[in-house]
Structures are given as structure tokens and as C-alpha cells.
Amino acid sequence: MKLKIYQIDAFADKVFSGNPAAVCPLEYWLSDDILQNIARENNMAATAFYVKQRNYYEIRWFTPTVELNLCGHGTLAAAYVLFNYENHNKNSIEFNSFKSGSLIATKIEELIVLNFPAINVKEIEMSEQIISGFDIKPKFAYKSESEYLLVFANEEEIKRVRPVFETISQLEGRGVIITAVGNEVDFVSRFFAPQININEDLATGSIHTLLIPYWAKYLGKNSLTAKQLSSRKGHFYCKYLNESVEIGGQGKLYLEGNIFLS
């Protein structure tokens, strides 16, 4: 069996930036074991698989070790492949995730804009476990169902903070987002997820479902720009729509090829 594979740098303004994701178009769903093995072999933060249905595309995302409930950069990468290489001739795509429902991707000039459900966070106590996870103390701590959101004083602290991964890995949930007001953009962030074997993710679309509502309310504006301050940097164009958020970014093709399965 021969499968197509693409490697896309998502939320990237050039190759070697943003977050790389593999994309595998499928004619039908393969077994979970095969999908997981492909993702493990790819050894990237996410491999996106999709199957075309009549009016939409079913989509799933895998890390090298687990299946994800939602993956922003994997969705953007899949949309980029469809818009540019797999003959999708409309300006919007409806994806349907078995775990996250309907997800819409729209092409607006060079940007691909994802519409995802907005997620609100609740303020929590600044526990000793949270404080000991970093060498700089956050100002505020919040929690969604899956992630911690820690607010720091400024962009410089986000850049130079040192996470203690052993401590962070013991926090319940998918990972920890740290964030602050940006110097040249509205807000900056980093994301640490040793719980799912990703010490620091490079450019994470899904965390912006929390970040956009928080910063829109804090800054009093619904259109925002953002940067993820990983080693490769991720660039985001954001909009708060109350019940949902728009997360925009570019994709860049790095690799196109084939997978051979015996």
C-alpha cells in the first residue's frame, strides 16, 4: 500500500519556522494501530489524517504516542494541503473530528483561518506545585478542563523563564500555557506539555482557544495578533467571536512524498 504524505510548517512565515506537521490523505480509515505507527515513525508533534466524505472531511490527529482530541496546527496543515495540492476548489473546508465536532477552515489570501470553539478559564489558587514548576513566579493562574494558563508580568519573562519539566509533568491535564502582553504583538505565549511527551510545543493552534478569549477580555479588543515564543516562533492572527474564535496563520510546504506499507 502506498500513501501520500506531506510535511507542512504551520503558523509559519517561512520554512523552518512555525510547527511542522505531517498530513496523510486517506481513501478510508486504517486501523488505529497503523495510524499510531505512522505517527510514531514520523516523530513529529502531530500527524493529521483525513478521509473525504461527500461534503466534508473526517480528520484525526496523532502524536508519536497518543491520539489528540484537537490539534490546531495539524488542522491548518491539512487545510493547506487540500487548498494547494489536493484539488479542493472552494475557499472553505469543513472538517469533522470524532472528538471535537465540526471545524471550519477558510482561505483568505495567504492566511488559513480556523474557526474553533472558544474555551473559558477559571482563576485558581497559585499552588506551590505551580510555582515550583518555573524559576519565575507567575502573576495569575487559571485552569480549563485540559490546560493550565499562567500569566506572567511581561514578554521578557516569557522568553527567559525556565520550566521544570519533572514538576510540570505531575500537573493534571494536557499541559501548561504561559503568556504575557507582547511588545510588538498583543500577546505572546509558550506551551509545555511533558504529560503528552512534548516538553515544549513549537506553535500550538489549540491553546489559542483559551488565549484569545482571555486576552480579548483583558485588552478590550476582539482582533488580536500573537506570537508563540518557541525556538521556531509561531505567528497568529486572532479574532474573538464570543462562542468561537478565529485562529489565522500561514502554511509552508517542506516535503512531499510517499509512505509504503507492506
Protein backbone atom coordinates (compact mmCIF):
# COMPACT_ATOMS: atom_id res chain seq x y z
CA MET A 1 0.00 0.00 0.00
CA LYS A 2 1.28 3.46 -0.91
CA LEU A 3 0.07 6.59 0.90
CA LYS A 4 0.81 10.24 0.17
CA ILE A 5 2.49 12.29 2.85
CA TYR A 6 3.15 16.00 3.12
CA GLN A 7 5.15 17.87 5.74
CA ILE A 8 3.88 21.40 6.34
CA ASP A 9 5.28 24.12 8.58
CA ALA A 10 2.12 25.57 10.15
CA PHE A 11 1.69 29.06 11.59
CA ALA A 12 4.92 29.84 9.76
CA ASP A 13 6.00 32.85 7.72
CA LYS A 14 8.83 30.81 6.14
CA VAL A 15 10.14 27.24 6.02
CA PHE A 16 11.93 26.14 9.20
CA SER A 17 9.59 28.21 11.35
CA GLY A 18 6.23 27.51 12.96
CA ASN A 19 5.29 23.95 13.84
CA PRO A 20 5.86 21.04 11.43
CA ALA A 21 3.00 18.60 10.92
CA ALA A 22 2.68 15.58 8.67
CA VAL A 23 -0.51 15.24 6.63
CA CYS A 24 -1.68 11.91 5.18
CA PRO A 25 -4.74 11.90 2.89
CA LEU A 26 -6.58 8.57 3.12
CA GLU A 27 -9.26 6.95 0.98
CA TYR A 28 -10.65 5.15 4.03
CA TRP A 29 -9.74 4.79 7.69
CA LEU A 30 -6.91 2.42 8.50
CA SER A 31 -6.66 0.70 11.87
CA ASP A 32 -5.73 2.79 14.90
CA ASP A 33 -2.53 0.76 15.26
CA ILE A 34 -1.40 1.66 11.74
CA LEU A 35 -2.24 5.35 12.24
CA GLN A 36 -0.33 5.40 15.53
CA ASN A 37 2.65 3.62 13.98
CA ILE A 38 2.78 6.11 11.11
CA ALA A 39 2.73 9.00 13.58
CA ARG A 40 5.44 7.33 15.67
CA GLU A 41 7.58 6.84 12.56
CA ASN A 42 7.06 10.49 11.54
CA ASN A 43 8.15 11.55 15.05
CA MET A 44 6.55 15.00 14.85
CA ALA A 45 4.26 16.73 17.30
CA ALA A 46 1.30 15.86 15.09
CA THR A 47 0.37 13.76 12.10
CA ALA A 48 -3.04 14.62 10.62
CA PHE A 49 -5.07 12.02 8.73
CA TYR A 50 -8.22 12.84 6.79
CA VAL A 51 -10.82 10.96 4.75
CA LYS A 52 -13.07 12.75 2.27
CA GLN A 53 -16.80 12.33 2.73
CA ARG A 54 -19.47 13.86 0.50
CA ASN A 55 -19.42 17.44 1.79
CA TYR A 56 -16.72 17.39 4.47
CA TYR A 57 -13.51 15.70 5.60
CA GLU A 58 -13.19 13.49 8.67
CA ILE A 59 -9.95 14.32 10.47
CA ARG A 60 -7.85 12.76 13.24
CA TRP A 61 -4.52 13.79 14.78
CA PHE A 62 -1.83 11.65 16.42
CA THR A 63 1.35 12.47 18.30
CA PRO A 64 4.06 9.77 18.34
CA THR A 65 2.34 8.28 21.41
CA VAL A 66 -1.36 9.27 21.60
CA GLU A 67 -4.36 10.43 19.61
CA LEU A 68 -5.29 14.07 20.21
CA ASN A 69 -8.78 15.47 20.83
CA LEU A 70 -7.93 18.66 18.92
CA CYS A 71 -4.89 19.95 17.04
CA GLY A 72 -4.78 23.42 15.55
CA HIS A 73 -1.52 23.25 13.64
CA GLY A 74 -2.42 19.81 12.28
CA THR A 75 -5.75 21.15 11.06
CA LEU A 76 -4.12 24.16 9.42
CA ALA A 77 -1.58 21.86 7.75
CA ALA A 78 -4.34 19.58 6.42
CA ALA A 79 -6.24 22.60 5.08
CA TYR A 80 -3.09 23.92 3.43
CA VAL A 81 -2.60 20.57 1.66
CA LEU A 82 -6.21 20.49 0.47
CA PHE A 83 -6.22 24.08 -0.75
CA ASN A 84 -2.89 23.82 -2.56
CA TYR A 85 -2.20 20.19 -3.52
CA GLU A 86 -5.30 18.01 -3.26
CA ASN A 87 -7.71 19.84 -5.56
CA HIS A 88 -10.14 21.33 -3.05
CA ASN A 89 -11.64 24.10 -5.19
CA LYS A 90 -13.65 26.06 -2.62
CA ASN A 91 -12.43 28.75 -0.22
CA SER A 92 -13.66 26.90 2.86
CA ILE A 93 -13.33 23.38 4.22
CA GLU A 94 -15.46 21.65 6.80
CA PHE A 95 -13.54 19.13 8.87
CA ASN A 96 -15.34 16.83 11.25
CA SER A 97 -13.49 15.39 14.22
CA PHE A 98 -14.88 12.39 16.06
CA LYS A 99 -13.71 14.06 19.28
CA SER A 100 -14.17 17.81 18.64
CA GLY A 101 -17.05 18.07 16.18
CA SER A 102 -17.20 20.40 13.18
CA LEU A 103 -14.16 22.60 12.43
CA ILE A 104 -14.12 25.15 9.62
CA ALA A 105 -11.01 26.33 7.74
CA THR A 106 -11.25 29.30 5.36
CA LYS A 107 -8.66 30.60 2.92
CA ILE A 108 -8.27 34.40 2.96
CA GLU A 109 -5.43 35.37 0.61
CA GLU A 110 -2.28 33.83 2.17
CA LEU A 111 -3.92 33.09 5.52
CA ILE A 112 -5.81 29.99 6.53
CA VAL A 113 -8.31 30.87 9.25
CA LEU A 114 -9.59 28.18 11.61
CA ASN A 115 -12.87 28.58 13.46
CA PHE A 116 -12.73 26.67 16.75
CA PRO A 117 -14.96 26.73 19.85
CA ALA A 118 -13.88 29.29 22.45
CA ILE A 119 -12.79 27.95 25.84
CA ASN A 120 -13.04 29.98 29.02
CA VAL A 121 -10.77 29.52 32.01
CA LYS A 122 -11.34 29.90 35.75
CA GLU A 123 -8.89 31.50 38.15
CA ILE A 124 -7.33 29.02 40.57
CA GLU A 125 -5.09 29.18 43.62
CA MET A 126 -1.40 29.66 42.93
CA SER A 127 -0.31 26.35 44.41
CA GLU A 128 3.25 25.52 45.43
CA GLN A 129 3.34 22.89 42.69
CA ILE A 130 2.59 25.54 40.05
CA ILE A 131 5.14 27.97 41.49
CA SER A 132 7.86 25.30 41.68
CA GLY A 133 7.32 24.43 38.02
CA PHE A 134 9.14 27.62 36.91
CA ASP A 135 12.05 29.72 38.05
CA ILE A 136 9.92 32.90 37.79
CA LYS A 137 6.65 33.21 39.69
CA PRO A 138 3.52 33.84 37.59
CA LYS A 139 1.17 36.69 38.48
CA PHE A 140 -2.06 34.72 38.00
CA ALA A 141 -3.11 31.10 37.45
CA TYR A 142 -6.14 29.81 35.55
CA LYS A 143 -7.40 26.38 34.51
CA SER A 144 -9.56 24.95 31.75
CA GLU A 145 -10.62 21.32 31.61
CA SER A 146 -7.33 20.35 29.96
CA GLU A 147 -4.72 23.09 30.41
CA TYR A 148 -3.26 25.45 32.95
CA LEU A 149 -2.92 29.09 31.89
CA LEU A 150 -0.30 31.11 33.76
CA VAL A 151 0.01 34.86 33.25
CA PHE A 152 3.42 36.49 33.68
CA ALA A 153 4.46 40.11 34.02
CA ASN A 154 5.89 40.75 30.55
CA GLU A 155 7.31 39.27 27.35
CA GLU A 156 10.86 39.20 28.72
CA GLU A 157 9.80 36.80 31.48
CA ILE A 158 8.13 34.51 28.91
CA LYS A 159 11.36 34.44 26.90
CA ARG A 160 13.73 33.67 29.75
CA VAL A 161 11.63 31.54 32.13
CA ARG A 162 12.98 28.06 32.75
CA PRO A 163 10.40 25.30 33.17
CA VAL A 164 10.96 22.33 35.48
CA PHE A 165 9.54 19.57 33.31
CA GLU A 166 9.52 16.91 36.02
CA THR A 167 7.27 19.14 38.15
CA ILE A 168 5.07 20.26 35.25
CA SER A 169 4.53 16.65 34.16
CA GLN A 170 2.87 15.93 37.51
CA LEU A 171 0.18 18.58 37.00
CA GLU A 172 -3.17 17.12 35.97
CA GLY A 173 -4.11 17.89 32.36
CA ARG A 174 -2.58 18.15 28.91
CA GLY A 175 -0.03 20.89 29.65
CA VAL A 176 0.77 24.41 30.80
CA ILE A 177 0.43 27.61 28.78
CA ILE A 178 2.41 30.65 29.88
CA THR A 179 1.53 34.07 28.49
CA ALA A 180 2.00 37.83 28.80
CA VAL A 181 1.30 41.05 26.93
CA GLY A 182 3.60 41.29 23.91
CA ASN A 183 5.99 44.05 22.91
CA GLU A 184 5.17 44.01 19.18
CA VAL A 185 2.01 41.86 19.21
CA ASP A 186 -0.96 41.83 21.56
CA PHE A 187 0.16 38.75 23.48
CA VAL A 188 2.89 36.11 23.50
CA SER A 189 2.90 32.56 24.80
CA ARG A 190 4.78 29.29 25.22
CA PHE A 191 3.32 25.81 25.77
CA PHE A 192 4.82 22.96 27.80
CA ALA A 193 3.24 19.50 27.59
CA PRO A 194 5.54 16.82 29.06
CA GLN A 195 2.33 14.97 30.00
CA ILE A 196 2.00 14.02 26.31
CA ASN A 197 5.77 13.74 25.72
CA ILE A 198 6.15 17.23 24.21
CA ASN A 199 8.35 19.28 26.53
CA GLU A 200 7.76 22.46 24.54
CA ASP A 201 5.49 22.69 21.53
CA LEU A 202 6.57 24.96 18.70
CA ALA A 203 3.35 26.63 17.51
CA THR A 204 0.08 25.46 19.01
CA GLY A 205 -3.23 26.44 17.46
CA SER A 206 -5.42 24.77 20.08
CA ILE A 207 -4.09 26.77 23.06
CA HIS A 208 -5.37 29.91 21.37
CA THR A 209 -8.91 28.73 22.03
CA LEU A 210 -8.12 29.74 25.64
CA LEU A 211 -5.71 32.60 24.99
CA ILE A 212 -7.94 34.57 22.61
CA PRO A 213 -10.95 34.85 24.98
CA TYR A 214 -8.66 35.72 27.91
CA TRP A 215 -6.74 38.46 26.14
CA ALA A 216 -9.75 39.82 24.23
CA LYS A 217 -11.49 40.46 27.54
CA TYR A 218 -8.36 41.74 29.28
CA LEU A 219 -7.33 44.09 26.47
CA GLY A 220 -10.86 45.07 25.46
CA LYS A 221 -10.42 44.20 21.78
CA ASN A 222 -11.65 41.34 19.62
CA SER A 223 -8.97 41.32 16.89
CA LEU A 224 -5.51 40.42 18.14
CA THR A 225 -2.07 39.40 16.94
CA ALA A 226 0.02 36.84 18.77
CA LYS A 227 3.37 35.09 18.72
CA GLN A 228 4.45 31.81 20.29
CA LEU A 229 8.00 32.28 21.51
CA SER A 230 9.38 28.80 20.87
CA SER A 231 12.72 28.24 19.15
CA ARG A 232 10.95 28.35 15.73
CA LYS A 233 8.34 31.03 16.53
CA GLY A 234 4.68 30.82 15.56
CA HIS A 235 2.63 33.71 14.17
CA PHE A 236 -1.12 34.00 14.77
CA TYR A 237 -3.89 36.36 13.66
CA CYS A 238 -6.81 36.05 16.04
CA LYS A 239 -10.42 37.12 16.49
CA TYR A 240 -12.79 36.61 19.41
CA LEU A 241 -16.38 35.79 18.40
CA ASN A 242 -17.83 35.05 21.87
CA GLU A 243 -18.78 31.39 21.36
CA SER A 244 -15.92 30.71 18.94
CA VAL A 245 -12.51 32.05 17.95
CA GLU A 246 -10.75 32.53 14.65
CA ILE A 247 -7.10 31.47 14.52
CA GLY A 248 -5.29 32.51 11.35
CA GLY A 249 -1.85 31.62 10.07
CA GLN A 250 0.20 30.63 7.06
CA GLY A 251 1.49 27.25 5.95
CA LYS A 252 4.67 26.39 4.07
CA LEU A 253 5.38 23.13 2.23
CA TYR A 254 8.60 21.45 3.31
CA LEU A 255 8.24 17.90 1.98
CA GLU A 256 6.05 15.81 -0.31
CA GLY A 257 6.42 12.03 -0.72
CA ASN A 258 5.02 8.57 -0.17
CA ILE A 259 4.67 6.06 2.66
CA PHE A 260 4.99 2.38 1.73
CA LEU A 261 3.15 -0.14 3.88
CA SER A 262 3.65 -3.86 3.35
